[in-house]
């Protein structure tokens, strides 16, 4: 189902951040319970010397590639436990109490708010490679379920001996391959995995213990993911699902990730998610999965351990984001009133959905409200996040301040405010002109990619102009109701 802007406004678009999520913990379902019959990802066999990356990148559809030149890498034979222990002394890992590792980038605005406390279930640790593999092997007899896979009693002593205290159950390691020269030489020619005139952004090494995984998220690069050892399961959703996967806000430390726990899906909290249709594949040694830009994917290690190499190439979307959004700022004098800023932002946001024909005014309004409804979903369930405390209270303070000022804006704008509104509309028109120009070139966003990036941009603009990321939801609701 292709999601477009023209939805009627939904009741969820005006819900406050403090939705009640207490007492619902036991209502979660496993992924197979919610999606018993996911579609497979199409697989192809290629020749060892075949050139295929450019065509695959242009098609931008997930694909499993077999028999590629990567199957001849020395890593495919050499990367055993014994070999890696010999070549690499220590690993800087994420040691986690839970199987799902959610990254946390504190530089994002919500991550820097005073008055809130983050409690992540993992910490950084340095362990020897022998310790890493010993703990992963402690799961050898553990029946792998989609929910938490506990260490078996016979393995507990080994795990506690490794940690010296209450064991951390899961290890996850990733690094640029170039930072581990003792292993980098085992990865052979990658030219089959990249396309001409597309810079290679990075080549990364990934290792994890059984049961560990990453949340549903999207990236913007072309990713050729090579499975070197073990088995790893991928579950994927198309970019069209972006309005129903409940993304974290762009300004949140978990930006680009879904708020839905793939091991514990709460249909009552995230009802729209269950209407999507996933793809699924389990990679084995030598398989390559192509992950296109903006495709949502989650991972899970389903053998004792997994070792993978990802080759990421720059996409046209990376370049577009810089060209279209980088200099598209909305700046005002520092003494401009809060109310005038709200008026300007409302005009700026609405401008992206204006219709030239006045007969289309109603359609334009539905577009704006539909977009706002989708973007608001990023914020409405944040109170259900168990890794942060105090966010609901901070959001309520921001809302009260916003509402206090917004109530006075039913009057006609002053001359100064009209000039500010005109300036905001010109800036929006400038951004739209760049987007429209790009549509006539070989490098252009799809409609869905534009929706995602425009939403990210509006979050950034509101955060900057109103000087708080917690003003984004009240601002969106103001636009929806005015």
Protein backbone atom coordinates (compact mmCIF):
# COMPACT_ATOMS: atom_id res chain seq x y z
CA UNK A 1 0.00 0.00 0.00
CA UNK A 2 1.51 3.33 -1.03
CA UNK A 3 1.12 6.00 1.61
CA UNK A 4 0.54 9.56 0.36
CA UNK A 5 -0.17 12.84 2.08
CA UNK A 6 -3.89 13.18 1.39
CA UNK A 7 -5.39 11.60 4.52
CA UNK A 8 -8.18 13.19 6.56
CA UNK A 9 -6.93 14.28 9.95
CA UNK A 10 -7.07 11.45 12.49
CA UNK A 11 -7.88 11.70 16.18
CA UNK A 12 -4.40 10.41 16.97
CA UNK A 13 -2.94 13.57 15.48
CA UNK A 14 -4.06 15.58 18.51
CA UNK A 15 -3.25 13.14 21.30
CA UNK A 16 -0.79 14.45 23.89
CA UNK A 17 2.53 12.82 24.57
CA UNK A 18 1.33 11.34 27.85
CA UNK A 19 -0.61 8.41 26.35
CA UNK A 20 -1.08 5.77 29.06
CA UNK A 21 1.18 2.76 28.43
CA UNK A 22 1.19 1.33 31.93
CA UNK A 23 -0.04 -2.19 32.50
CA UNK A 24 0.28 -3.18 28.85
CA UNK A 25 3.62 -4.95 29.02
CA UNK A 26 2.15 -8.46 28.79
CA UNK A 27 0.12 -7.69 25.68
CA UNK A 28 3.11 -7.93 23.35
CA UNK A 29 3.22 -10.59 20.66
CA UNK A 30 6.18 -12.19 18.92
CA UNK A 31 6.88 -11.36 15.29
CA UNK A 32 5.69 -14.79 14.03
CA UNK A 33 2.44 -14.37 15.98
CA UNK A 34 1.74 -11.06 14.26
CA UNK A 35 3.19 -11.95 10.86
CA UNK A 36 2.91 -15.74 10.44
CA UNK A 37 3.51 -15.68 6.68
CA UNK A 38 6.09 -13.05 5.62
CA UNK A 39 7.05 -12.92 1.97
CA UNK A 40 10.50 -14.25 0.98
CA UNK A 41 13.11 -11.97 -0.54
CA UNK A 42 13.90 -12.81 -4.15
CA UNK A 43 17.27 -14.50 -4.69
CA UNK A 44 19.51 -14.67 -7.76
CA UNK A 45 22.73 -16.47 -8.68
CA UNK A 46 25.46 -14.45 -10.33
CA UNK A 47 28.75 -15.24 -12.00
CA UNK A 48 32.01 -14.76 -10.15
CA UNK A 49 33.04 -12.00 -12.56
CA UNK A 50 29.59 -10.61 -13.29
CA UNK A 51 28.99 -6.86 -12.91
CA UNK A 52 25.62 -6.26 -11.29
CA UNK A 53 25.71 -3.60 -8.53
CA UNK A 54 24.76 -0.61 -10.66
CA UNK A 55 21.65 -2.31 -12.04
CA UNK A 56 20.62 -3.54 -8.60
CA UNK A 57 21.08 -0.09 -7.09
CA UNK A 58 18.89 1.43 -9.81
CA UNK A 59 16.12 -1.11 -9.17
CA UNK A 60 16.26 -0.33 -5.40
CA UNK A 61 14.54 -3.57 -4.35
CA UNK A 62 15.86 -5.98 -1.69
CA UNK A 63 17.67 -8.93 -3.23
CA UNK A 64 19.63 -11.96 -2.02
CA UNK A 65 22.72 -12.59 -4.16
CA UNK A 66 24.39 -15.99 -4.28
CA UNK A 67 27.61 -17.29 -5.81
CA UNK A 68 29.22 -13.83 -5.94
CA UNK A 69 32.97 -13.23 -5.80
CA UNK A 70 32.71 -12.67 -2.04
CA UNK A 71 32.31 -16.44 -1.61
CA UNK A 72 36.01 -16.68 -2.56
CA UNK A 73 37.20 -14.27 0.11
CA UNK A 74 39.81 -15.79 2.44
CA UNK A 75 37.53 -14.68 5.29
CA UNK A 76 34.97 -17.33 4.32
CA UNK A 77 37.41 -20.08 5.37
CA UNK A 78 39.70 -18.35 7.82
CA UNK A 79 37.30 -16.54 10.14
CA UNK A 80 36.88 -19.25 12.73
CA UNK A 81 36.89 -18.64 16.46
CA UNK A 82 40.50 -19.82 16.73
CA UNK A 83 41.70 -17.61 13.89
CA UNK A 84 40.03 -14.43 15.17
CA UNK A 85 41.24 -15.06 18.75
CA UNK A 86 44.77 -15.37 17.37
CA UNK A 87 44.57 -12.27 15.17
CA UNK A 88 42.56 -9.93 17.41
CA UNK A 89 43.33 -9.58 21.10
CA UNK A 90 40.44 -7.47 22.36
CA UNK A 91 37.07 -6.20 21.18
CA UNK A 92 35.21 -3.05 22.19
CA UNK A 93 31.67 -4.39 22.42
CA UNK A 94 28.17 -3.46 23.48
CA UNK A 95 27.34 -5.71 26.46
CA UNK A 96 23.58 -5.90 26.80
CA UNK A 97 21.04 -7.37 29.19
CA UNK A 98 18.51 -7.46 26.38
CA UNK A 99 18.78 -8.97 22.90
CA UNK A 100 17.79 -5.85 21.02
CA UNK A 101 20.54 -3.20 20.82
CA UNK A 102 19.13 0.28 20.21
CA UNK A 103 21.74 2.87 19.41
CA UNK A 104 21.68 6.13 21.36
CA UNK A 105 23.10 9.32 19.86
CA UNK A 106 22.99 11.88 22.64
CA UNK A 107 23.89 14.73 20.27
CA UNK A 108 20.28 14.81 19.03
CA UNK A 109 18.22 17.58 20.69
CA UNK A 110 15.97 15.36 22.83
CA UNK A 111 19.08 13.61 24.12
CA UNK A 112 20.37 16.91 25.50
CA UNK A 113 17.23 18.06 27.31
CA UNK A 114 17.64 18.83 31.02
CA UNK A 115 15.26 17.10 33.40
CA UNK A 116 15.19 13.68 31.76
CA UNK A 117 17.13 10.50 32.53
CA UNK A 118 18.18 7.83 30.05
CA UNK A 119 18.55 4.19 31.12
CA UNK A 120 19.84 2.03 28.31
CA UNK A 121 20.14 -1.76 28.86
CA UNK A 122 23.65 -1.96 27.43
CA UNK A 123 27.07 -0.56 28.18
CA UNK A 124 30.40 -0.33 26.40
CA UNK A 125 32.94 -2.95 27.46
CA UNK A 126 36.34 -4.21 26.37
CA UNK A 127 36.65 -8.00 26.36
CA UNK A 128 39.15 -10.45 24.97
CA UNK A 129 38.07 -12.22 21.80
CA UNK A 130 38.21 -15.55 23.65
CA UNK A 131 35.77 -14.16 26.23
CA UNK A 132 33.52 -12.89 23.43
CA UNK A 133 33.27 -16.31 21.82
CA UNK A 134 33.00 -18.13 25.15
CA UNK A 135 29.91 -16.16 26.09
CA UNK A 136 28.34 -16.61 22.66
CA UNK A 137 28.87 -20.35 22.99
CA UNK A 138 27.09 -20.27 26.34
CA UNK A 139 23.92 -20.09 24.24
CA UNK A 140 24.66 -23.29 22.34
CA UNK A 141 21.80 -25.25 23.91
CA UNK A 142 19.44 -22.29 24.23
CA UNK A 143 16.26 -22.71 22.16
CA UNK A 144 16.06 -19.56 20.11
CA UNK A 145 12.69 -17.86 20.38
CA UNK A 146 11.66 -14.46 19.14
CA UNK A 147 11.46 -13.37 22.78
CA UNK A 148 14.37 -13.12 25.21
CA UNK A 149 16.61 -16.21 25.08
CA UNK A 150 17.97 -16.87 28.57
CA UNK A 151 21.35 -18.51 29.26
CA UNK A 152 20.83 -22.16 30.16
CA UNK A 153 21.72 -23.28 33.74
CA UNK A 154 24.71 -25.35 32.63
CA UNK A 155 26.15 -22.24 30.96
CA UNK A 156 25.58 -19.78 33.80
CA UNK A 157 28.83 -20.59 35.59
CA UNK A 158 30.82 -19.96 32.43
CA UNK A 159 29.07 -16.64 31.83
CA UNK A 160 29.54 -15.49 35.42
CA UNK A 161 33.19 -16.47 35.32
CA UNK A 162 33.60 -14.24 32.27
CA UNK A 163 31.85 -11.25 33.79
CA UNK A 164 32.83 -11.76 37.44
CA UNK A 165 29.31 -10.76 38.50
CA UNK A 166 25.76 -10.84 37.18
CA UNK A 167 26.35 -11.81 33.55
CA UNK A 168 25.64 -9.59 30.60
CA UNK A 169 23.78 -11.85 28.27
CA UNK A 170 24.57 -10.50 24.82
CA UNK A 171 27.67 -9.13 23.07
CA UNK A 172 27.53 -7.04 19.93
CA UNK A 173 30.55 -5.75 18.05
CA UNK A 174 30.92 -3.53 15.01
CA UNK A 175 33.83 -1.57 13.59
CA UNK A 176 35.23 -0.19 10.39
CA UNK A 177 37.08 -3.09 8.83
CA UNK A 178 40.07 -0.84 8.16
CA UNK A 179 40.48 -0.42 11.93
CA UNK A 180 41.26 -4.15 12.21
CA UNK A 181 44.09 -4.64 9.70
CA UNK A 182 44.75 -8.20 10.87
CA UNK A 183 41.37 -9.18 9.43
CA UNK A 184 40.97 -6.60 6.66
CA UNK A 185 43.36 -8.43 4.32
CA UNK A 186 41.07 -11.47 4.40
CA UNK A 187 38.31 -9.53 2.65
CA UNK A 188 39.04 -9.65 -1.05
CA UNK A 189 37.90 -7.56 -3.98
CA UNK A 190 34.69 -5.61 -3.29
CA UNK A 191 34.29 -4.08 -6.76
CA UNK A 192 31.43 -6.44 -7.53
CA UNK A 193 29.54 -4.88 -4.60
CA UNK A 194 29.91 -1.24 -5.62
CA UNK A 195 28.89 0.81 -8.66
CA UNK A 196 30.85 3.20 -10.82
CA UNK A 197 30.80 6.86 -9.79
CA UNK A 198 29.30 6.03 -6.38
CA UNK A 199 31.80 6.59 -3.56
CA UNK A 200 32.21 3.74 -1.08
CA UNK A 201 31.23 5.25 2.27
CA UNK A 202 32.49 2.49 4.55
CA UNK A 203 33.17 -1.23 4.92
CA UNK A 204 32.15 -2.52 8.35
CA UNK A 205 32.63 -5.71 10.36
CA UNK A 206 29.74 -7.00 12.50
CA UNK A 207 29.86 -9.81 15.10
CA UNK A 208 27.17 -10.81 17.56
CA UNK A 209 26.09 -13.58 19.91
CA UNK A 210 23.04 -15.72 19.38
CA UNK A 211 19.70 -13.95 19.81
CA UNK A 212 21.09 -10.42 19.59
CA UNK A 213 19.66 -8.06 17.01
CA UNK A 214 19.03 -4.50 15.89
CA UNK A 215 15.68 -2.67 15.94
CA UNK A 216 13.72 -1.92 12.81
CA UNK A 217 15.38 1.08 11.14
CA UNK A 218 16.34 2.59 7.81
CA UNK A 219 19.62 3.83 6.34
CA UNK A 220 20.23 6.13 3.40
CA UNK A 221 23.17 4.32 1.77
CA UNK A 222 23.21 1.34 -0.59
CA UNK A 223 24.17 -1.60 1.63
CA UNK A 224 25.61 -4.89 0.37
CA UNK A 225 25.54 -7.11 3.47
CA UNK A 226 27.81 -10.18 3.23
CA UNK A 227 27.30 -13.09 5.62
CA UNK A 228 30.69 -14.64 6.44
CA UNK A 229 29.84 -17.03 9.29
CA UNK A 230 26.74 -18.18 11.12
CA UNK A 231 23.13 -17.32 10.30
CA UNK A 232 21.38 -13.98 10.52
CA UNK A 233 17.70 -13.25 10.01
CA UNK A 234 16.50 -10.03 8.35
CA UNK A 235 12.95 -8.73 8.41
CA UNK A 236 12.18 -5.86 6.08
CA UNK A 237 9.40 -3.39 5.29
CA UNK A 238 9.20 -1.11 2.26
CA UNK A 239 9.66 2.67 2.56
CA UNK A 240 5.91 3.06 1.96
CA UNK A 241 5.41 1.70 5.50
CA UNK A 242 7.06 4.76 7.06
CA UNK A 243 3.80 6.24 8.30
CA UNK A 244 2.88 3.02 10.14
CA UNK A 245 6.16 1.87 11.71
CA UNK A 246 6.11 4.62 14.36
CA UNK A 247 9.55 6.08 13.76
CA UNK A 248 11.31 7.83 16.58
CA UNK A 249 11.52 11.57 15.87
CA UNK A 250 14.41 12.87 13.82
CA UNK A 251 15.45 14.91 16.90
CA UNK A 252 15.49 11.80 19.15
CA UNK A 253 18.69 9.87 20.04
CA UNK A 254 17.18 6.81 18.28
CA UNK A 255 16.58 8.71 15.05
CA UNK A 256 15.69 6.54 12.00
CA UNK A 257 14.57 3.66 14.25
CA UNK A 258 11.08 2.30 14.86
CA UNK A 259 9.59 2.48 18.34
CA UNK A 260 8.06 -0.99 17.85
CA UNK A 261 9.89 -3.77 19.72
CA UNK A 262 10.08 -6.53 17.10
CA UNK A 263 10.34 -9.19 19.83
CA UNK A 264 7.37 -7.85 21.78
CA UNK A 265 4.88 -6.18 19.40
CA UNK A 266 2.14 -4.30 21.25
CA UNK A 267 -0.84 -4.11 18.90
CA UNK A 268 -2.78 -1.91 21.33
CA UNK A 269 -0.02 0.72 21.35
CA UNK A 270 1.09 0.47 17.70
CA UNK A 271 -2.07 -0.70 15.87
CA UNK A 272 -1.13 0.52 12.41
CA UNK A 273 2.10 -1.46 12.36
CA UNK A 274 0.32 -4.80 12.15
CA UNK A 275 -1.29 -3.84 8.85
CA UNK A 276 2.02 -3.89 6.98
CA UNK A 277 3.44 -6.83 5.01
CA UNK A 278 7.04 -7.81 5.83
CA UNK A 279 9.73 -9.59 3.87
CA UNK A 280 12.01 -12.11 5.59
CA UNK A 281 15.23 -13.97 4.82
CA UNK A 282 17.83 -15.92 6.79
CA UNK A 283 21.34 -15.36 5.45
CA UNK A 284 23.85 -18.21 5.54
CA UNK A 285 27.56 -18.28 4.75
CA UNK A 286 28.33 -16.60 1.42
CA UNK A 287 24.92 -14.94 0.98
CA UNK A 288 24.72 -11.24 0.19
CA UNK A 289 21.64 -9.15 1.00
CA UNK A 290 21.17 -5.87 -0.84
CA UNK A 291 19.43 -3.35 1.44
CA UNK A 292 18.23 -0.31 -0.56
CA UNK A 293 18.04 3.20 0.91
CA UNK A 294 15.01 3.85 3.14
CA UNK A 295 14.06 0.18 3.39
CA UNK A 296 13.27 -0.68 7.01
CA UNK A 297 15.12 -3.71 8.34
CA UNK A 298 15.73 -5.49 11.63
CA UNK A 299 18.24 -8.25 12.34
CA UNK A 300 18.61 -11.25 14.63
CA UNK A 301 21.48 -13.72 15.05
CA UNK A 302 20.08 -17.25 15.03
CA UNK A 303 23.20 -19.40 15.53
CA UNK A 304 25.91 -19.43 18.20
CA UNK A 305 27.39 -16.31 16.64
CA UNK A 306 27.31 -14.33 13.42
CA UNK A 307 30.09 -12.57 11.49
CA UNK A 308 29.23 -10.23 8.62
CA UNK A 309 30.76 -7.53 6.44
CA UNK A 310 28.72 -4.64 5.05
CA UNK A 311 29.82 -2.57 2.06
CA UNK A 312 28.01 0.78 1.99
CA UNK A 313 27.98 3.02 -1.07
CA UNK A 314 26.75 6.59 -1.27
CA UNK A 315 23.28 6.92 -2.71
CA UNK A 316 21.89 9.83 -4.70
CA UNK A 317 19.63 10.48 -1.71
CA UNK A 318 22.67 11.35 0.42
CA UNK A 319 23.68 13.98 -2.11
CA UNK A 320 20.09 15.25 -2.47
CA UNK A 321 19.70 15.73 1.26
CA UNK A 322 22.71 18.01 1.30
CA UNK A 323 21.69 19.96 -1.81
CA UNK A 324 18.04 20.45 -0.89
CA UNK A 325 17.99 20.75 2.89
CA UNK A 326 21.46 21.80 4.03
CA UNK A 327 21.02 25.56 3.49
CA UNK A 328 17.22 25.61 3.87
CA UNK A 329 17.04 27.37 7.20
CA UNK A 330 14.39 29.63 8.68
CA UNK A 331 16.18 32.29 10.69
CA UNK A 332 14.77 35.34 12.49
CA UNK A 333 15.97 38.09 14.75
CA UNK A 334 16.61 36.74 18.23
CA UNK A 335 14.10 39.16 19.79
CA UNK A 336 11.18 38.05 17.59
CA UNK A 337 8.21 37.12 19.76
CA UNK A 338 7.28 33.50 20.35
CA UNK A 339 3.86 34.08 18.82
CA UNK A 340 5.34 35.52 15.64
CA UNK A 341 7.58 32.48 15.36
CA UNK A 342 4.56 30.19 15.64
CA UNK A 343 2.76 32.10 12.88
CA UNK A 344 5.81 31.92 10.63
CA UNK A 345 6.28 28.20 11.19
CA UNK A 346 2.61 27.49 10.51
CA UNK A 347 2.86 29.36 7.20
CA UNK A 348 6.11 27.58 6.37
CA UNK A 349 4.66 24.10 6.97
CA UNK A 350 1.41 24.78 5.14
CA UNK A 351 3.22 26.17 2.13
CA UNK A 352 4.48 22.71 1.14
CA UNK A 353 0.89 21.62 0.51
CA UNK A 354 -0.49 24.68 -1.26
CA UNK A 355 -2.34 24.24 -4.52
CA UNK A 356 -2.02 26.91 -7.21
CA UNK A 357 -5.66 26.49 -8.17
CA UNK A 358 -7.87 28.01 -5.47
CA UNK A 359 -10.48 25.33 -6.18
CA UNK A 360 -8.03 22.88 -4.64
CA UNK A 361 -7.89 24.64 -1.27
CA UNK A 362 -9.79 21.82 0.49
CA UNK A 363 -7.52 19.20 -1.04
CA UNK A 364 -4.51 21.22 0.08
CA UNK A 365 -5.86 21.32 3.63
CA UNK A 366 -6.33 17.55 3.68
CA UNK A 367 -2.77 17.07 2.45
CA UNK A 368 -1.36 19.27 5.21
CA UNK A 369 -3.43 17.61 7.91
CA UNK A 370 -2.58 14.12 6.65
CA UNK A 371 1.12 14.88 6.67
CA UNK A 372 0.89 16.36 10.16
CA UNK A 373 -0.97 13.28 11.38
CA UNK A 374 1.79 10.97 10.10
CA UNK A 375 4.58 13.15 11.50
CA UNK A 376 2.83 13.43 14.87
CA UNK A 377 2.96 9.65 15.30
CA UNK A 378 6.68 9.95 15.84
CA UNK A 379 6.02 11.81 19.11
CA UNK A 380 2.73 10.45 20.47
CA UNK A 381 4.06 7.16 21.89
CA UNK A 382 7.33 8.41 23.39
CA UNK A 383 5.92 7.98 26.89
CA UNK A 384 5.92 4.21 26.22
CA UNK A 385 9.71 4.18 25.91
CA UNK A 386 11.21 2.35 28.90
CA UNK A 387 14.70 3.78 28.27
CA UNK A 388 13.83 7.34 29.32
CA UNK A 389 12.23 8.93 32.38
CA UNK A 390 10.97 12.48 32.78
CA UNK A 391 10.19 13.10 29.11
CA UNK A 392 6.44 13.29 29.68
CA UNK A 393 6.87 16.03 32.30
CA UNK A 394 9.22 18.03 30.08
CA UNK A 395 6.79 17.70 27.17
CA UNK A 396 3.90 18.91 29.32
CA UNK A 397 5.82 22.04 30.34
CA UNK A 398 6.55 22.78 26.67
CA UNK A 399 2.92 22.21 25.71
CA UNK A 400 1.59 24.57 28.36
CA UNK A 401 3.95 27.31 27.23
CA UNK A 402 2.99 26.78 23.60
CA UNK A 403 -0.75 26.72 24.30
CA UNK A 404 -0.57 29.85 26.43
CA UNK A 405 0.90 31.80 23.51
CA UNK A 406 -1.12 30.10 20.75
CA UNK A 407 -4.44 31.08 22.39
CA UNK A 408 -3.63 34.72 21.68
CA UNK A 409 -3.05 34.17 17.97
CA UNK A 410 -6.68 34.35 16.89
CA UNK A 411 -6.17 38.06 16.22
CA UNK A 412 -5.06 39.32 12.82
CA UNK A 413 -1.28 39.34 12.37
CA UNK A 414 0.59 42.61 12.77
CA UNK A 415 2.50 44.19 9.88
CA UNK A 416 5.73 42.75 11.26
CA UNK A 417 4.18 39.29 11.51
CA UNK A 418 2.94 39.55 7.91
CA UNK A 419 6.48 40.30 6.77
CA UNK A 420 7.78 37.35 8.80
CA UNK A 421 5.12 35.07 7.27
CA UNK A 422 6.06 36.28 3.80
CA UNK A 423 9.71 35.52 4.54
CA UNK A 424 8.80 32.01 5.75
CA UNK A 425 6.79 31.28 2.61
CA UNK A 426 9.65 32.45 0.40
CA UNK A 427 12.04 30.11 2.20
CA UNK A 428 9.61 27.22 1.76
CA UNK A 429 9.24 28.11 -1.92
CA UNK A 430 13.04 28.11 -2.28
CA UNK A 431 13.25 24.59 -0.85
CA UNK A 432 10.37 23.37 -3.01
CA UNK A 433 12.00 24.85 -6.11
CA UNK A 434 15.15 22.84 -5.43
CA UNK A 435 13.07 19.70 -4.98
CA UNK A 436 11.12 20.31 -8.20
CA UNK A 437 14.34 20.93 -10.09
CA UNK A 438 15.79 17.65 -8.85
CA UNK A 439 12.77 15.76 -10.23
CA UNK A 440 13.97 16.59 -13.73
CA UNK A 441 17.39 15.05 -13.13
CA UNK A 442 18.67 11.50 -12.80
CA UNK A 443 18.97 12.03 -9.05
CA UNK A 444 15.58 12.53 -7.43
CA UNK A 445 13.66 11.49 -4.35
CA UNK A 446 10.74 9.14 -4.72
CA UNK A 447 7.52 10.55 -3.28
CA UNK A 448 7.89 8.46 -0.13
CA UNK A 449 11.54 9.45 0.40
CA UNK A 450 10.51 13.09 0.06
CA UNK A 451 7.81 12.60 2.72
CA UNK A 452 10.35 11.11 5.15
CA UNK A 453 12.98 13.79 4.59
CA UNK A 454 10.48 16.67 4.63
CA UNK A 455 9.25 15.38 7.98
CA UNK A 456 12.82 15.28 9.27
CA UNK A 457 13.40 18.81 8.00
CA UNK A 458 10.27 20.19 9.66
CA UNK A 459 11.31 18.65 12.99
CA UNK A 460 14.69 20.37 12.67
CA UNK A 461 13.17 23.73 11.69
CA UNK A 462 10.63 23.78 14.54
CA UNK A 463 13.27 22.72 17.05
CA UNK A 464 15.58 25.51 15.89
CA UNK A 465 12.98 28.29 15.67
CA UNK A 466 11.11 27.48 18.92
CA UNK A 467 14.35 26.43 20.64
CA UNK A 468 13.11 23.07 21.93
CA UNK A 469 12.44 19.65 20.33
CA UNK A 470 9.41 19.27 22.59
CA UNK A 471 7.71 22.12 20.74
CA UNK A 472 7.42 20.01 17.58
CA UNK A 473 4.27 18.08 18.57
CA UNK A 474 2.33 21.14 19.83
CA UNK A 475 3.35 22.96 16.65
CA UNK A 476 2.10 20.13 14.45
CA UNK A 477 -1.19 19.99 16.34
CA UNK A 478 -1.58 23.76 15.95
CA UNK A 479 -1.19 23.42 12.20
CA UNK A 480 -3.65 20.52 12.09
CA UNK A 481 -6.36 22.36 14.00
CA UNK A 482 -5.96 25.86 12.59
